[in-house]
Amino acid sequence: MGPVSDESLDKALIAQTSATAPRLLRDMTGFGWDEVMVLSEGTTADEIQSLTGARIIKGDRYVSSANLMVFRAGGQLVKAVMVTPDAFSSADLRRWLGHDVSVSPGPILRLA
Protein backbone atom coordinates (compact mmCIF):
# COMPACT_ATOMS: atom_id res chain seq x y z
CA MET A 1 0.00 0.00 0.00
CA GLY A 2 1.65 3.21 -1.17
CA PRO A 3 1.25 6.68 0.31
CA VAL A 4 -1.86 8.67 -0.58
CA SER A 5 -2.96 12.29 -0.20
CA ASP A 6 -5.74 13.33 2.18
CA GLU A 7 -6.91 16.90 1.54
CA SER A 8 -9.15 16.99 4.61
CA LEU A 9 -6.33 15.93 6.96
CA ASP A 10 -3.96 18.37 5.26
CA LYS A 11 -6.36 21.27 5.83
CA ALA A 12 -6.94 20.30 9.46
CA LEU A 13 -3.20 20.13 10.18
CA ILE A 14 -2.54 23.45 8.44
CA ALA A 15 -5.32 25.01 10.55
CA GLN A 16 -3.53 23.79 13.71
CA THR A 17 -0.50 25.96 12.87
CA SER A 18 -2.62 29.02 13.68
CA ALA A 19 -5.07 27.47 16.17
CA THR A 20 -5.23 28.31 19.87
CA ALA A 21 -6.14 24.90 21.33
CA PRO A 22 -4.99 21.29 20.87
CA ARG A 23 -7.11 18.98 18.74
CA LEU A 24 -7.31 15.19 18.77
CA LEU A 25 -5.73 13.75 15.64
CA ARG A 26 -8.48 11.10 15.43
CA ASP A 27 -11.00 13.94 14.96
CA MET A 28 -9.05 15.05 11.88
CA THR A 29 -9.10 11.67 10.15
CA GLY A 30 -12.03 10.01 8.42
CA PHE A 31 -10.88 6.43 9.02
CA GLY A 32 -10.21 4.10 11.93
CA TRP A 33 -6.74 3.60 13.43
CA ASP A 34 -5.15 3.04 16.83
CA GLU A 35 -1.52 4.12 16.26
CA VAL A 36 0.23 6.72 14.13
CA MET A 37 3.85 7.46 13.25
CA VAL A 38 5.23 10.50 11.40
CA LEU A 39 8.22 10.08 9.10
CA SER A 40 10.13 12.78 7.25
CA GLU A 41 11.78 13.23 3.89
CA GLY A 42 14.97 11.22 3.57
CA THR A 43 13.85 8.20 5.61
CA THR A 44 15.04 5.07 3.82
CA ALA A 45 12.64 2.39 2.61
CA ASP A 46 14.41 -0.12 4.86
CA GLU A 47 13.97 2.16 7.90
CA ILE A 48 10.30 2.63 7.09
CA GLN A 49 9.80 -1.13 6.78
CA SER A 50 11.70 -1.76 10.01
CA LEU A 51 9.66 0.85 11.91
CA THR A 52 6.25 0.03 10.45
CA GLY A 53 6.48 -3.60 9.41
CA ALA A 54 5.36 -2.71 5.88
CA ARG A 55 6.99 -1.87 2.56
CA ILE A 56 5.27 1.47 1.91
CA ILE A 57 7.40 3.22 -0.69
CA LYS A 58 8.76 1.93 -3.99
CA GLY A 59 12.16 3.64 -4.08
CA ASP A 60 15.14 3.37 -1.76
CA ARG A 61 14.28 6.53 0.17
CA TYR A 62 11.20 8.65 0.94
CA VAL A 63 11.92 11.75 -1.14
CA SER A 64 8.68 13.72 -0.93
CA SER A 65 8.84 17.04 0.89
CA ALA A 66 5.55 16.08 2.55
CA ASN A 67 5.69 14.29 5.88
CA LEU A 68 4.48 10.70 5.85
CA MET A 69 1.89 9.75 8.48
CA VAL A 70 1.56 5.99 8.87
CA PHE A 71 -1.62 4.75 10.54
CA ARG A 72 -2.22 1.22 11.75
CA ALA A 73 -4.87 -0.71 13.66
CA GLY A 74 -4.20 -3.93 15.51
CA GLY A 75 -0.60 -3.79 14.30
CA GLN A 76 -1.67 -3.78 10.63
CA LEU A 77 -1.15 -0.91 8.20
CA VAL A 78 -4.37 1.03 7.59
CA LYS A 79 -3.11 3.98 5.56
CA ALA A 80 0.05 5.93 4.75
CA VAL A 81 -0.77 9.58 4.13
CA MET A 82 1.46 12.31 2.71
CA VAL A 83 0.72 15.55 4.57
CA THR A 84 2.06 18.84 3.29
CA PRO A 85 2.53 20.73 6.53
CA ASP A 86 6.22 20.16 7.20
CA ALA A 87 5.65 21.49 10.68
CA PHE A 88 6.06 18.51 13.01
CA SER A 89 8.62 18.64 15.78
CA SER A 90 11.55 16.33 15.15
CA ALA A 91 11.02 14.94 18.67
CA ASP A 92 7.72 13.45 17.48
CA LEU A 93 9.11 11.63 14.44
CA ARG A 94 9.77 7.89 14.12
CA ARG A 95 7.74 6.69 17.12
CA TRP A 96 4.31 5.16 17.49
CA LEU A 97 1.69 7.31 19.20
CA GLY A 98 -1.72 6.12 20.38
CA HIS A 99 -5.28 6.91 19.34
CA ASP A 100 -5.61 9.62 22.02
CA VAL A 101 -2.77 11.72 20.59
CA SER A 102 -3.52 15.40 20.18
CA VAL A 103 -1.97 17.95 17.86
CA SER A 104 -0.82 21.04 19.75
CA PRO A 105 -1.28 24.38 18.02
CA GLY A 106 1.51 26.59 16.76
CA PRO A 107 4.00 26.95 13.93
CA ILE A 108 5.71 23.72 15.05
CA LEU A 109 3.11 21.01 15.61
CA ARG A 110 3.66 18.74 18.61
CA LEU A 111 1.99 15.37 19.05
CA ALA A 112 1.15 14.67 22.68
C-alpha atoms as a PDB file:
ATOM      1  CA  MET A   1       0.000   0.000   0.000  1.00  0.00           C
ATOM      2  CA  GLY A   2       1.648   3.209  -1.167  1.00  0.00           C
ATOM      3  CA  PRO A   3       1.255   6.684   0.307  1.00  0.00           C
ATOM      4  CA  VAL A   4      -1.862   8.674  -0.579  1.00  0.00           C
ATOM      5  CA  SER A   5      -2.955  12.287  -0.195  1.00  0.00           C
ATOM      6  CA  ASP A   6      -5.736  13.332   2.182  1.00  0.00           C
ATOM      7  CA  GLU A   7      -6.908  16.900   1.543  1.00  0.00           C
ATOM      8  CA  SER A   8      -9.146  16.985   4.614  1.00  0.00           C
ATOM      9  CA  LEU A   9      -6.331  15.927   6.964  1.00  0.00           C
ATOM     10  CA  ASP A  10      -3.959  18.367   5.258  1.00  0.00           C
ATOM     11  CA  LYS A  11      -6.357  21.267   5.828  1.00  0.00           C
ATOM     12  CA  ALA A  12      -6.943  20.304   9.461  1.00  0.00           C
ATOM     13  CA  LEU A  13      -3.201  20.129  10.181  1.00  0.00           C
ATOM     14  CA  ILE A  14      -2.544  23.449   8.445  1.00  0.00           C
ATOM     15  CA  ALA A  15      -5.317  25.006  10.552  1.00  0.00           C
ATOM     16  CA  GLN A  16      -3.531  23.794  13.708  1.00  0.00           C
ATOM     17  CA  THR A  17      -0.502  25.956  12.866  1.00  0.00           C
ATOM     18  CA  SER A  18      -2.622  29.025  13.683  1.00  0.00           C
ATOM     19  CA  ALA A  19      -5.071  27.470  16.169  1.00  0.00           C
ATOM     20  CA  THR A  20      -5.227  28.309  19.870  1.00  0.00           C
ATOM     21  CA  ALA A  21      -6.136  24.904  21.327  1.00  0.00           C
ATOM     22  CA  PRO A  22      -4.989  21.294  20.868  1.00  0.00           C
ATOM     23  CA  ARG A  23      -7.114  18.977  18.744  1.00  0.00           C
ATOM     24  CA  LEU A  24      -7.311  15.190  18.771  1.00  0.00           C
ATOM     25  CA  LEU A  25      -5.734  13.749  15.643  1.00  0.00           C
ATOM     26  CA  ARG A  26      -8.478  11.104  15.428  1.00  0.00           C
ATOM     27  CA  ASP A  27     -11.001  13.940  14.960  1.00  0.00           C
ATOM     28  CA  MET A  28      -9.047  15.054  11.879  1.00  0.00           C
ATOM     29  CA  THR A  29      -9.103  11.667  10.153  1.00  0.00           C
ATOM     30  CA  GLY A  30     -12.027  10.009   8.423  1.00  0.00           C
ATOM     31  CA  PHE A  31     -10.878   6.431   9.019  1.00  0.00           C
ATOM     32  CA  GLY A  32     -10.207   4.100  11.932  1.00  0.00           C
ATOM     33  CA  TRP A  33      -6.739   3.597  13.428  1.00  0.00           C
ATOM     34  CA  ASP A  34      -5.149   3.041  16.835  1.00  0.00           C
ATOM     35  CA  GLU A  35      -1.524   4.118  16.257  1.00  0.00           C
ATOM     36  CA  VAL A  36       0.232   6.721  14.134  1.00  0.00           C
ATOM     37  CA  MET A  37       3.854   7.460  13.252  1.00  0.00           C
ATOM     38  CA  VAL A  38       5.227  10.496  11.404  1.00  0.00           C
ATOM     39  CA  LEU A  39       8.222  10.083   9.098  1.00  0.00           C
ATOM     40  CA  SER A  40      10.129  12.779   7.252  1.00  0.00           C
ATOM     41  CA  GLU A  41      11.778  13.227   3.890  1.00  0.00           C
ATOM     42  CA  GLY A  42      14.968  11.215   3.575  1.00  0.00           C
ATOM     43  CA  THR A  43      13.850   8.197   5.607  1.00  0.00           C
ATOM     44  CA  THR A  44      15.040   5.066   3.815  1.00  0.00           C
ATOM     45  CA  ALA A  45      12.637   2.391   2.606  1.00  0.00           C
ATOM     46  CA  ASP A  46      14.413  -0.119   4.855  1.00  0.00           C
ATOM     47  CA  GLU A  47      13.971   2.156   7.902  1.00  0.00           C
ATOM     48  CA  ILE A  48      10.296   2.632   7.087  1.00  0.00           C
ATOM     49  CA  GLN A  49       9.804  -1.126   6.777  1.00  0.00           C
ATOM     50  CA  SER A  50      11.704  -1.763  10.010  1.00  0.00           C
ATOM     51  CA  LEU A  51       9.660   0.846  11.911  1.00  0.00           C
ATOM     52  CA  THR A  52       6.247   0.030  10.449  1.00  0.00           C
ATOM     53  CA  GLY A  53       6.482  -3.604   9.406  1.00  0.00           C
ATOM     54  CA  ALA A  54       5.362  -2.715   5.879  1.00  0.00           C
ATOM     55  CA  ARG A  55       6.985  -1.866   2.564  1.00  0.00           C
ATOM     56  CA  ILE A  56       5.266   1.468   1.913  1.00  0.00           C
ATOM     57  CA  ILE A  57       7.405   3.221  -0.688  1.00  0.00           C
ATOM     58  CA  LYS A  58       8.763   1.931  -3.985  1.00  0.00           C
ATOM     59  CA  GLY A  59      12.158   3.642  -4.075  1.00  0.00           C
ATOM     60  CA  ASP A  60      15.138   3.374  -1.757  1.00  0.00           C
ATOM     61  CA  ARG A  61      14.279   6.535   0.166  1.00  0.00           C
ATOM     62  CA  TYR A  62      11.198   8.648   0.937  1.00  0.00           C
ATOM     63  CA  VAL A  63      11.925  11.753  -1.138  1.00  0.00           C
ATOM     64  CA  SER A  64       8.677  13.723  -0.932  1.00  0.00           C
ATOM     65  CA  SER A  65       8.844  17.045   0.894  1.00  0.00           C
ATOM     66  CA  ALA A  66       5.548  16.081   2.552  1.00  0.00           C
ATOM     67  CA  ASN A  67       5.690  14.286   5.879  1.00  0.00           C
ATOM     68  CA  LEU A  68       4.475  10.696   5.850  1.00  0.00           C
ATOM     69  CA  MET A  69       1.891   9.754   8.481  1.00  0.00           C
ATOM     70  CA  VAL A  70       1.559   5.994   8.867  1.00  0.00           C
ATOM     71  CA  PHE A  71      -1.617   4.755  10.536  1.00  0.00           C
ATOM     72  CA  ARG A  72      -2.223   1.221  11.747  1.00  0.00           C
ATOM     73  CA  ALA A  73      -4.871  -0.709  13.658  1.00  0.00           C
ATOM     74  CA  GLY A  74      -4.195  -3.930  15.509  1.00  0.00           C
ATOM     75  CA  GLY A  75      -0.602  -3.788  14.298  1.00  0.00           C
ATOM     76  CA  GLN A  76      -1.675  -3.784  10.628  1.00  0.00           C
ATOM     77  CA  LEU A  77      -1.154  -0.910   8.197  1.00  0.00           C
ATOM     78  CA  VAL A  78      -4.367   1.034   7.590  1.00  0.00           C
ATOM     79  CA  LYS A  79      -3.107   3.976   5.562  1.00  0.00           C
ATOM     80  CA  ALA A  80       0.049   5.925   4.747  1.00  0.00           C
ATOM     81  CA  VAL A  81      -0.772   9.584   4.132  1.00  0.00           C
ATOM     82  CA  MET A  82       1.457  12.309   2.708  1.00  0.00           C
ATOM     83  CA  VAL A  83       0.719  15.554   4.572  1.00  0.00           C
ATOM     84  CA  THR A  84       2.063  18.842   3.288  1.00  0.00           C
ATOM     85  CA  PRO A  85       2.528  20.731   6.532  1.00  0.00           C
ATOM     86  CA  ASP A  86       6.216  20.155   7.199  1.00  0.00           C
ATOM     87  CA  ALA A  87       5.649  21.493  10.682  1.00  0.00           C
ATOM     88  CA  PHE A  88       6.059  18.514  13.010  1.00  0.00           C
ATOM     89  CA  SER A  89       8.621  18.645  15.784  1.00  0.00           C
ATOM     90  CA  SER A  90      11.552  16.332  15.146  1.00  0.00           C
ATOM     91  CA  ALA A  91      11.020  14.943  18.667  1.00  0.00           C
ATOM     92  CA  ASP A  92       7.718  13.447  17.476  1.00  0.00           C
ATOM     93  CA  LEU A  93       9.105  11.630  14.440  1.00  0.00           C
ATOM     94  CA  ARG A  94       9.772   7.887  14.122  1.00  0.00           C
ATOM     95  CA  ARG A  95       7.745   6.688  17.122  1.00  0.00           C
ATOM     96  CA  TRP A  96       4.307   5.163  17.488  1.00  0.00           C
ATOM     97  CA  LEU A  97       1.690   7.311  19.197  1.00  0.00           C
ATOM     98  CA  GLY A  98      -1.715   6.120  20.378  1.00  0.00           C
ATOM     99  CA  HIS A  99      -5.284   6.914  19.343  1.00  0.00           C
ATOM    100  CA  ASP A 100      -5.606   9.623  22.021  1.00  0.00           C
ATOM    101  CA  VAL A 101      -2.767  11.723  20.588  1.00  0.00           C
ATOM    102  CA  SER A 102      -3.523  15.402  20.179  1.00  0.00           C
ATOM    103  CA  VAL A 103      -1.968  17.954  17.861  1.00  0.00           C
ATOM    104  CA  SER A 104      -0.824  21.039  19.754  1.00  0.00           C
ATOM    105  CA  PRO A 105      -1.283  24.383  18.020  1.00  0.00           C
ATOM    106  CA  GLY A 106       1.514  26.590  16.756  1.00  0.00           C
ATOM    107  CA  PRO A 107       4.001  26.946  13.925  1.00  0.00           C
ATOM    108  CA  ILE A 108       5.709  23.717  15.048  1.00  0.00           C
ATOM    109  CA  LEU A 109       3.107  21.007  15.610  1.00  0.00           C
ATOM    110  CA  ARG A 110       3.660  18.739  18.608  1.00  0.00           C
ATOM    111  CA  LEU A 111       1.988  15.372  19.054  1.00  0.00           C
ATOM    112  CA  ALA A 112       1.154  14.669  22.677  1.00  0.00           C
END
